[in-house]
Amino acid sequence: MSFDWISAAWEKRFDPDFCADSREFVLTYKIKPFLGLKVFFCGFAAEEKLQMVSELIRNGGSECTEVNWPRYFSNVRYYLLKRRRL
């Protein structure tokens, strides 16, 4: 749900006939599951990858075609080192 859903529901909080989880109200403020996310697909067959990219785009995401591996691994390494200290 988008933040606007919370605001709109709050505005109608005194309406006794209002239901924040009604189908019509929810569909108005529903967001796509991958909205704003970039996903990198690795190790899939070309046909599978095309299908997954299509679904990703249909659900608000975009494909990341390049990964900055040194940065990625340094973040993972930092995370693992931090967990070890706890």
PDB file of N, CA and C in Angstrom:
ATOM      1  N   MET A   1       0.844  -1.170   0.000  1.00  0.00           N
ATOM      2  CA  MET A   1       0.000   0.000   0.000  1.00  0.00           C
ATOM      3  C   MET A   1       0.892   1.236   0.000  1.00  0.00           C
ATOM      4  N   SER A   2       0.398   2.273  -0.599  1.00  0.00           N
ATOM      5  CA  SER A   2       1.159   3.520  -0.610  1.00  0.00           C
ATOM      6  C   SER A   2       0.852   4.303   0.665  1.00  0.00           C
ATOM      7  N   PHE A   3       1.697   5.270   0.938  1.00  0.00           N
ATOM      8  CA  PHE A   3       1.492   6.105   2.118  1.00  0.00           C
ATOM      9  C   PHE A   3       0.165   6.867   2.020  1.00  0.00           C
ATOM     10  N   ASP A   4      -0.236   7.177   0.806  1.00  0.00           N
ATOM     11  CA  ASP A   4      -1.510   7.884   0.604  1.00  0.00           C
ATOM     12  C   ASP A   4      -2.693   7.082   1.136  1.00  0.00           C
ATOM     13  N   TRP A   5      -2.570   5.753   1.151  1.00  0.00           N
ATOM     14  CA  TRP A   5      -3.626   4.907   1.685  1.00  0.00           C
ATOM     15  C   TRP A   5      -3.841   5.205   3.166  1.00  0.00           C
ATOM     16  N   ILE A   6      -2.758   5.357   3.893  1.00  0.00           N
ATOM     17  CA  ILE A   6      -2.849   5.674   5.323  1.00  0.00           C
ATOM     18  C   ILE A   6      -3.515   7.026   5.522  1.00  0.00           C
ATOM     19  N   SER A   7      -3.082   8.009   4.754  1.00  0.00           N
ATOM     20  CA  SER A   7      -3.655   9.360   4.877  1.00  0.00           C
ATOM     21  C   SER A   7      -5.143   9.372   4.549  1.00  0.00           C
ATOM     22  N   ALA A   8      -5.508   8.697   3.467  1.00  0.00           N
ATOM     23  CA  ALA A   8      -6.916   8.669   3.063  1.00  0.00           C
ATOM     24  C   ALA A   8      -7.768   7.923   4.088  1.00  0.00           C
ATOM     25  N   ALA A   9      -7.250   6.839   4.622  1.00  0.00           N
ATOM     26  CA  ALA A   9      -7.990   6.088   5.645  1.00  0.00           C
ATOM     27  C   ALA A   9      -8.151   6.931   6.902  1.00  0.00           C
ATOM     28  N   TRP A  10      -7.121   7.668   7.258  1.00  0.00           N
ATOM     29  CA  TRP A  10      -7.178   8.511   8.454  1.00  0.00           C
ATOM     30  C   TRP A  10      -8.219   9.616   8.298  1.00  0.00           C
ATOM     31  N   GLU A  11      -8.313  10.172   7.094  1.00  0.00           N
ATOM     32  CA  GLU A  11      -9.302  11.218   6.840  1.00  0.00           C
ATOM     33  C   GLU A  11     -10.728  10.685   6.987  1.00  0.00           C
ATOM     34  N   LYS A  12     -10.927   9.429   6.716  1.00  0.00           N
ATOM     35  CA  LYS A  12     -12.273   8.835   6.779  1.00  0.00           C
ATOM     36  C   LYS A  12     -12.520   8.078   8.085  1.00  0.00           C
ATOM     37  N   ARG A  13     -11.686   8.281   9.082  1.00  0.00           N
ATOM     38  CA  ARG A  13     -11.757   7.492  10.320  1.00  0.00           C
ATOM     39  C   ARG A  13     -13.069   7.646  11.090  1.00  0.00           C
ATOM     40  N   PHE A  14     -13.783   8.747  10.885  1.00  0.00           N
ATOM     41  CA  PHE A  14     -15.029   8.957  11.620  1.00  0.00           C
ATOM     42  C   PHE A  14     -16.270   8.514  10.832  1.00  0.00           C
ATOM     43  N   ASP A  15     -16.057   8.037   9.619  1.00  0.00           N
ATOM     44  CA  ASP A  15     -17.168   7.567   8.788  1.00  0.00           C
ATOM     45  C   ASP A  15     -17.497   6.125   9.202  1.00  0.00           C
ATOM     46  N   PRO A  16     -18.686   5.881   9.787  1.00  0.00           N
ATOM     47  CA  PRO A  16     -19.015   4.531  10.273  1.00  0.00           C
ATOM     48  C   PRO A  16     -19.168   3.499   9.147  1.00  0.00           C
ATOM     49  N   ASP A  17     -19.402   3.937   7.912  1.00  0.00           N
ATOM     50  CA  ASP A  17     -19.571   3.020   6.794  1.00  0.00           C
ATOM     51  C   ASP A  17     -18.263   2.739   6.052  1.00  0.00           C
ATOM     52  N   PHE A  18     -17.201   3.383   6.474  1.00  0.00           N
ATOM     53  CA  PHE A  18     -15.913   3.225   5.791  1.00  0.00           C
ATOM     54  C   PHE A  18     -15.170   1.985   6.288  1.00  0.00           C
ATOM     55  N   CYS A  19     -14.561   1.283   5.350  1.00  0.00           N
ATOM     56  CA  CYS A  19     -13.743   0.113   5.688  1.00  0.00           C
ATOM     57  C   CYS A  19     -12.437   0.230   4.898  1.00  0.00           C
ATOM     58  N   ALA A  20     -11.316   0.383   5.594  1.00  0.00           N
ATOM     59  CA  ALA A  20     -10.018   0.617   4.945  1.00  0.00           C
ATOM     60  C   ALA A  20      -9.551  -0.570   4.118  1.00  0.00           C
ATOM     61  N   ASP A  21     -10.087  -1.744   4.373  1.00  0.00           N
ATOM     62  CA  ASP A  21      -9.667  -2.900   3.589  1.00  0.00           C
ATOM     63  C   ASP A  21     -10.697  -3.322   2.538  1.00  0.00           C
ATOM     64  N   SER A  22     -11.602  -2.401   2.197  1.00  0.00           N
ATOM     65  CA  SER A  22     -12.558  -2.717   1.129  1.00  0.00           C
ATOM     66  C   SER A  22     -11.816  -2.804  -0.196  1.00  0.00           C
ATOM     67  N   ARG A  23     -12.286  -3.656  -1.059  1.00  0.00           N
ATOM     68  CA  ARG A  23     -11.601  -3.914  -2.329  1.00  0.00           C
ATOM     69  C   ARG A  23     -11.382  -2.635  -3.146  1.00  0.00           C
ATOM     70  N   GLU A  24     -12.387  -1.821  -3.272  1.00  0.00           N
ATOM     71  CA  GLU A  24     -12.290  -0.600  -4.076  1.00  0.00           C
ATOM     72  C   GLU A  24     -11.238   0.356  -3.494  1.00  0.00           C
ATOM     73  N   PHE A  25     -11.263   0.503  -2.179  1.00  0.00           N
ATOM     74  CA  PHE A  25     -10.328   1.422  -1.525  1.00  0.00           C
ATOM     75  C   PHE A  25      -8.896   0.913  -1.637  1.00  0.00           C
ATOM     76  N   VAL A  26      -8.701  -0.374  -1.436  1.00  0.00           N
ATOM     77  CA  VAL A  26      -7.361  -0.964  -1.515  1.00  0.00           C
ATOM     78  C   VAL A  26      -6.795  -0.856  -2.926  1.00  0.00           C
ATOM     79  N   LEU A  27      -7.600  -1.149  -3.935  1.00  0.00           N
ATOM     80  CA  LEU A  27      -7.120  -1.086  -5.314  1.00  0.00           C
ATOM     81  C   LEU A  27      -6.717   0.326  -5.719  1.00  0.00           C
ATOM     82  N   THR A  28      -7.313   1.326  -5.101  1.00  0.00           N
ATOM     83  CA  THR A  28      -6.961   2.711  -5.395  1.00  0.00           C
ATOM     84  C   THR A  28      -5.531   3.030  -4.962  1.00  0.00           C
ATOM     85  N   TYR A  29      -5.079   2.436  -3.879  1.00  0.00           N
ATOM     86  CA  TYR A  29      -3.783   2.787  -3.294  1.00  0.00           C
ATOM     87  C   TYR A  29      -2.754   1.653  -3.337  1.00  0.00           C
ATOM     88  N   LYS A  30      -3.064   0.599  -4.042  1.00  0.00           N
ATOM     89  CA  LYS A  30      -2.157  -0.542  -4.123  1.00  0.00           C
ATOM     90  C   LYS A  30      -0.956  -0.195  -5.008  1.00  0.00           C
ATOM     91  N   ILE A  31       0.241  -0.594  -4.563  1.00  0.00           N
ATOM     92  CA  ILE A  31       1.432  -0.375  -5.383  1.00  0.00           C
ATOM     93  C   ILE A  31       1.959  -1.725  -5.872  1.00  0.00           C
ATOM     94  N   LYS A  32       2.756  -1.679  -6.908  1.00  0.00           N
ATOM     95  CA  LYS A  32       3.305  -2.910  -7.482  1.00  0.00           C
ATOM     96  C   LYS A  32       4.426  -3.436  -6.589  1.00  0.00           C
ATOM     97  N   PRO A  33       4.580  -4.763  -6.492  1.00  0.00           N
ATOM     98  CA  PRO A  33       5.519  -5.352  -5.534  1.00  0.00           C
ATOM     99  C   PRO A  33       6.995  -5.014  -5.757  1.00  0.00           C
ATOM    100  N   PHE A  34       7.412  -4.753  -7.000  1.00  0.00           N
ATOM    101  CA  PHE A  34       8.821  -4.451  -7.264  1.00  0.00           C
ATOM    102  C   PHE A  34       9.053  -2.981  -7.596  1.00  0.00           C
ATOM    103  N   LEU A  35       8.113  -2.124  -7.242  1.00  0.00           N
ATOM    104  CA  LEU A  35       8.196  -0.702  -7.572  1.00  0.00           C
ATOM    105  C   LEU A  35       9.510  -0.098  -7.081  1.00  0.00           C
ATOM    106  N   GLY A  36      10.277   0.460  -8.017  1.00  0.00           N
ATOM    107  CA  GLY A  36      11.521   1.129  -7.681  1.00  0.00           C
ATOM    108  C   GLY A  36      12.718   0.219  -7.449  1.00  0.00           C
ATOM    109  N   LEU A  37      12.548  -1.084  -7.583  1.00  0.00           N
ATOM    110  CA  LEU A  37      13.658  -2.012  -7.346  1.00  0.00           C
ATOM    111  C   LEU A  37      14.360  -2.379  -8.645  1.00  0.00           C
ATOM    112  N   LYS A  38      15.662  -2.586  -8.534  1.00  0.00           N
ATOM    113  CA  LYS A  38      16.451  -3.080  -9.657  1.00  0.00           C
ATOM    114  C   LYS A  38      16.921  -4.481  -9.289  1.00  0.00           C
ATOM    115  N   VAL A  39      16.725  -5.421 -10.215  1.00  0.00           N
ATOM    116  CA  VAL A  39      17.050  -6.823  -9.950  1.00  0.00           C
ATOM    117  C   VAL A  39      18.044  -7.311 -11.000  1.00  0.00           C
ATOM    118  N   PHE A  40      19.042  -8.046 -10.541  1.00  0.00           N
ATOM    119  CA  PHE A  40      20.040  -8.643 -11.424  1.00  0.00           C
ATOM    120  C   PHE A  40      19.795 -10.146 -11.473  1.00  0.00           C
ATOM    121  N   PHE A  41      19.595 -10.692 -12.673  1.00  0.00           N
ATOM    122  CA  PHE A  41      19.371 -12.118 -12.845  1.00  0.00           C
ATOM    123  C   PHE A  41      20.672 -12.767 -13.328  1.00  0.00           C
ATOM    124  N   CYS A  42      21.090 -13.797 -12.643  1.00  0.00           N
ATOM    125  CA  CYS A  42      22.346 -14.464 -12.984  1.00  0.00           C
ATOM    126  C   CYS A  42      22.131 -15.980 -12.966  1.00  0.00           C
ATOM    127  N   GLY A  43      22.603 -16.656 -14.010  1.00  0.00           N
ATOM    128  CA  GLY A  43      22.574 -18.108 -14.029  1.00  0.00           C
ATOM    129  C   GLY A  43      21.292 -18.726 -14.548  1.00  0.00           C
ATOM    130  N   PHE A  44      20.479 -17.968 -15.230  1.00  0.00           N
ATOM    131  CA  PHE A  44      19.228 -18.502 -15.766  1.00  0.00           C
ATOM    132  C   PHE A  44      19.343 -18.693 -17.272  1.00  0.00           C
ATOM    133  N   ALA A  45      18.573 -19.628 -17.800  1.00  0.00           N
ATOM    134  CA  ALA A  45      18.504 -19.815 -19.246  1.00  0.00           C
ATOM    135  C   ALA A  45      17.890 -18.557 -19.865  1.00  0.00           C
ATOM    136  N   ALA A  46      18.261 -18.280 -21.116  1.00  0.00           N
ATOM    137  CA  ALA A  46      17.817 -17.048 -21.781  1.00  0.00           C
ATOM    138  C   ALA A  46      16.296 -16.906 -21.789  1.00  0.00           C
ATOM    139  N   GLU A  47      15.591 -17.995 -22.072  1.00  0.00           N
ATOM    140  CA  GLU A  47      14.120 -17.946 -22.130  1.00  0.00           C
ATOM    141  C   GLU A  47      13.523 -17.649 -20.752  1.00  0.00           C
ATOM    142  N   GLU A  48      14.062 -18.288 -19.713  1.00  0.00           N
ATOM    143  CA  GLU A  48      13.585 -18.028 -18.341  1.00  0.00           C
ATOM    144  C   GLU A  48      13.854 -16.589 -17.945  1.00  0.00           C
ATOM    145  N   LYS A  49      15.034 -16.108 -18.284  1.00  0.00           N
ATOM    146  CA  LYS A  49      15.402 -14.745 -17.925  1.00  0.00           C
ATOM    147  C   LYS A  49      14.467 -13.736 -18.589  1.00  0.00           C
ATOM    148  N   LEU A  50      14.152 -13.938 -19.869  1.00  0.00           N
ATOM    149  CA  LEU A  50      13.233 -13.036 -20.565  1.00  0.00           C
ATOM    150  C   LEU A  50      11.876 -12.996 -19.872  1.00  0.00           C
ATOM    151  N   GLN A  51      11.389 -14.157 -19.471  1.00  0.00           N
ATOM    152  CA  GLN A  51      10.100 -14.224 -18.789  1.00  0.00           C
ATOM    153  C   GLN A  51      10.161 -13.508 -17.442  1.00  0.00           C
ATOM    154  N   MET A  52      11.249 -13.713 -16.692  1.00  0.00           N
ATOM    155  CA  MET A  52      11.380 -13.066 -15.377  1.00  0.00           C
ATOM    156  C   MET A  52      11.526 -11.560 -15.514  1.00  0.00           C
ATOM    157  N   VAL A  53      12.281 -11.108 -16.511  1.00  0.00           N
ATOM    158  CA  VAL A  53      12.431  -9.672 -16.734  1.00  0.00           C
ATOM    159  C   VAL A  53      11.090  -9.065 -17.112  1.00  0.00           C
ATOM    160  N   SER A  54      10.331  -9.758 -17.941  1.00  0.00           N
ATOM    161  CA  SER A  54       9.003  -9.276 -18.330  1.00  0.00           C
ATOM    162  C   SER A  54       8.092  -9.111 -17.105  1.00  0.00           C
ATOM    163  N   GLU A  55       8.092 -10.101 -16.229  1.00  0.00           N
ATOM    164  CA  GLU A  55       7.272 -10.036 -15.010  1.00  0.00           C
ATOM    165  C   GLU A  55       7.776  -8.937 -14.064  1.00  0.00           C
ATOM    166  N   LEU A  56       9.083  -8.792 -13.989  1.00  0.00           N
ATOM    167  CA  LEU A  56       9.667  -7.752 -13.153  1.00  0.00           C
ATOM    168  C   LEU A  56       9.205  -6.376 -13.604  1.00  0.00           C
ATOM    169  N   ILE A  57       9.286  -6.118 -14.891  1.00  0.00           N
ATOM    170  CA  ILE A  57       8.869  -4.822 -15.431  1.00  0.00           C
ATOM    171  C   ILE A  57       7.373  -4.620 -15.250  1.00  0.00           C
ATOM    172  N   ARG A  58       6.596  -5.670 -15.480  1.00  0.00           N
ATOM    173  CA  ARG A  58       5.139  -5.585 -15.307  1.00  0.00           C
ATOM    174  C   ARG A  58       4.764  -5.244 -13.867  1.00  0.00           C
ATOM    175  N   ASN A  59       5.622  -5.632 -12.933  1.00  0.00           N
ATOM    176  CA  ASN A  59       5.356  -5.396 -11.514  1.00  0.00           C
ATOM    177  C   ASN A  59       6.137  -4.219 -10.940  1.00  0.00           C
ATOM    178  N   GLY A  60       6.576  -3.303 -11.818  1.00  0.00           N
ATOM    179  CA  GLY A  60       7.144  -2.036 -11.359  1.00  0.00           C
ATOM    180  C   GLY A  60       8.646  -1.986 -11.188  1.00  0.00           C
ATOM    181  N   GLY A  61       9.349  -3.069 -11.451  1.00  0.00           N
ATOM    182  CA  GLY A  61      10.794  -3.077 -11.279  1.00  0.00           C
ATOM    183  C   GLY A  61      11.525  -2.841 -12.579  1.00  0.00           C
ATOM    184  N   SER A  62      12.837  -2.861 -12.502  1.00  0.00           N
ATOM    185  CA  SER A  62      13.651  -2.757 -13.705  1.00  0.00           C
ATOM    186  C   SER A  62      14.847  -3.691 -13.563  1.00  0.00           C
ATOM    187  N   GLU A  63      15.368  -4.097 -14.717  1.00  0.00           N
ATOM    188  CA  GLU A  63      16.491  -5.025 -14.705  1.00  0.00           C
ATOM    189  C   GLU A  63      17.798  -4.267 -14.544  1.00  0.00           C
ATOM    190  N   CYS A  64      18.629  -4.775 -13.685  1.00  0.00           N
ATOM    191  CA  CYS A  64      19.977  -4.249 -13.517  1.00  0.00           C
ATOM    192  C   CYS A  64      20.877  -5.128 -14.375  1.00  0.00           C
ATOM    193  N   THR A  65      21.543  -4.529 -15.357  1.00  0.00           N
ATOM    194  CA  THR A  65      22.340  -5.319 -16.283  1.00  0.00           C
ATOM    195  C   THR A  65      23.798  -5.417 -15.869  1.00  0.00           C
ATOM    196  N   GLU A  66      24.185  -4.641 -14.885  1.00  0.00           N
ATOM    197  CA  GLU A  66      25.577  -4.652 -14.454  1.00  0.00           C
ATOM    198  C   GLU A  66      25.634  -4.502 -12.937  1.00  0.00           C
ATOM    199  N   VAL A  67      26.492  -5.274 -12.311  1.00  0.00           N
ATOM    200  CA  VAL A  67      26.636  -5.210 -10.861  1.00  0.00           C
ATOM    201  C   VAL A  67      28.047  -4.770 -10.536  1.00  0.00           C
ATOM    202  N   ASN A  68      28.164  -3.853  -9.612  1.00  0.00           N
ATOM    203  CA  ASN A  68      29.469  -3.400  -9.155  1.00  0.00           C
ATOM    204  C   ASN A  68      29.947  -4.420  -8.125  1.00  0.00           C
ATOM    205  N   TRP A  69      30.559  -5.513  -8.586  1.00  0.00           N
ATOM    206  CA  TRP A  69      30.921  -6.619  -7.708  1.00  0.00           C
ATOM    207  C   TRP A  69      31.827  -6.221  -6.547  1.00  0.00           C
ATOM    208  N   PRO A  70      32.877  -5.425  -6.757  1.00  0.00           N
ATOM    209  CA  PRO A  70      33.714  -5.067  -5.591  1.00  0.00           C
ATOM    210  C   PRO A  70      32.915  -4.362  -4.502  1.00  0.00           C
ATOM    211  N   ARG A  71      32.027  -3.480  -4.897  1.00  0.00           N
ATOM    212  CA  ARG A  71      31.200  -2.782  -3.908  1.00  0.00           C
ATOM    213  C   ARG A  71      30.255  -3.754  -3.217  1.00  0.00           C
ATOM    214  N   TYR A  72      29.641  -4.647  -3.994  1.00  0.00           N
ATOM    215  CA  TYR A  72      28.719  -5.625  -3.431  1.00  0.00           C
ATOM    216  C   TYR A  72      29.429  -6.494  -2.401  1.00  0.00           C
ATOM    217  N   PHE A  73      30.565  -7.037  -2.788  1.00  0.00           N
ATOM    218  CA  PHE A  73      31.275  -7.921  -1.873  1.00  0.00           C
ATOM    219  C   PHE A  73      31.820  -7.183  -0.660  1.00  0.00           C
ATOM    220  N   SER A  74      32.206  -5.922  -0.824  1.00  0.00           N
ATOM    221  CA  SER A  74      32.671  -5.181   0.348  1.00  0.00           C
ATOM    222  C   SER A  74      31.514  -4.958   1.322  1.00  0.00           C
ATOM    223  N   ASN A  75      30.290  -4.748   0.808  1.00  0.00           N
ATOM    224  CA  ASN A  75      29.126  -4.595   1.683  1.00  0.00           C
ATOM    225  C   ASN A  75      28.811  -5.901   2.405  1.00  0.00           C
ATOM    226  N   VAL A  76      28.917  -7.018   1.695  1.00  0.00           N
ATOM    227  CA  VAL A  76      28.665  -8.318   2.311  1.00  0.00           C
ATOM    228  C   VAL A  76      29.723  -8.596   3.369  1.00  0.00           C
ATOM    229  N   ARG A  77      30.969  -8.317   3.038  1.00  0.00           N
ATOM    230  CA  ARG A  77      32.063  -8.544   3.981  1.00  0.00           C
ATOM    231  C   ARG A  77      31.866  -7.688   5.235  1.00  0.00           C
ATOM    232  N   TYR A  78      31.492  -6.425   5.046  1.00  0.00           N
ATOM    233  CA  TYR A  78      31.240  -5.536   6.176  1.00  0.00           C
ATOM    234  C   TYR A  78      30.125  -6.104   7.057  1.00  0.00           C
ATOM    235  N   TYR A  79      29.046  -6.575   6.428  1.00  0.00           N
ATOM    236  CA  TYR A  79      27.917  -7.134   7.167  1.00  0.00           C
ATOM    237  C   TYR A  79      28.355  -8.347   7.986  1.00  0.00           C
ATOM    238  N   LEU A  80      29.118  -9.242   7.346  1.00  0.00           N
ATOM    239  CA  LEU A  80      29.563 -10.453   8.045  1.00  0.00           C
ATOM    240  C   LEU A  80      30.505 -10.120   9.200  1.00  0.00           C
ATOM    241  N   LEU A  81      31.405  -9.169   8.979  1.00  0.00           N
ATOM    242  CA  LEU A  81      32.316  -8.768  10.054  1.00  0.00           C
ATOM    243  C   LEU A  81      31.556  -8.125  11.201  1.00  0.00           C
ATOM    244  N   LYS A  82      30.574  -7.342  10.874  1.00  0.00           N
ATOM    245  CA  LYS A  82      29.770  -6.677  11.907  1.00  0.00           C
ATOM    246  C   LYS A  82      29.015  -7.718  12.735  1.00  0.00           C
ATOM    247  N   ARG A  83      28.473  -8.740  12.087  1.00  0.00           N
ATOM    248  CA  ARG A  83      27.747  -9.796  12.814  1.00  0.00           C
ATOM    249  C   ARG A  83      28.666 -10.574  13.735  1.00  0.00           C
ATOM    250  N   ARG A  84      29.903 -10.760  13.311  1.00  0.00           N
ATOM    251  CA  ARG A  84      30.848 -11.506  14.123  1.00  0.00           C
ATOM    252  C   ARG A  84      31.176 -10.778  15.432  1.00  0.00           C
ATOM    253  N   ARG A  85      31.154  -9.462  15.387  1.00  0.00           N
ATOM    254  CA  ARG A  85      31.471  -8.668  16.575  1.00  0.00           C
ATOM    255  C   ARG A  85      30.340  -8.669  17.584  1.00  0.00           C
ATOM    256  N   LEU A  86      29.145  -8.955  17.138  1.00  0.00           N
ATOM    257  CA  LEU A  86      27.989  -8.909  18.060  1.00  0.00           C
ATOM    258  C   LEU A  86      27.899 -10.115  18.931  1.00  0.00           C
TER     259      LEU A  86
END
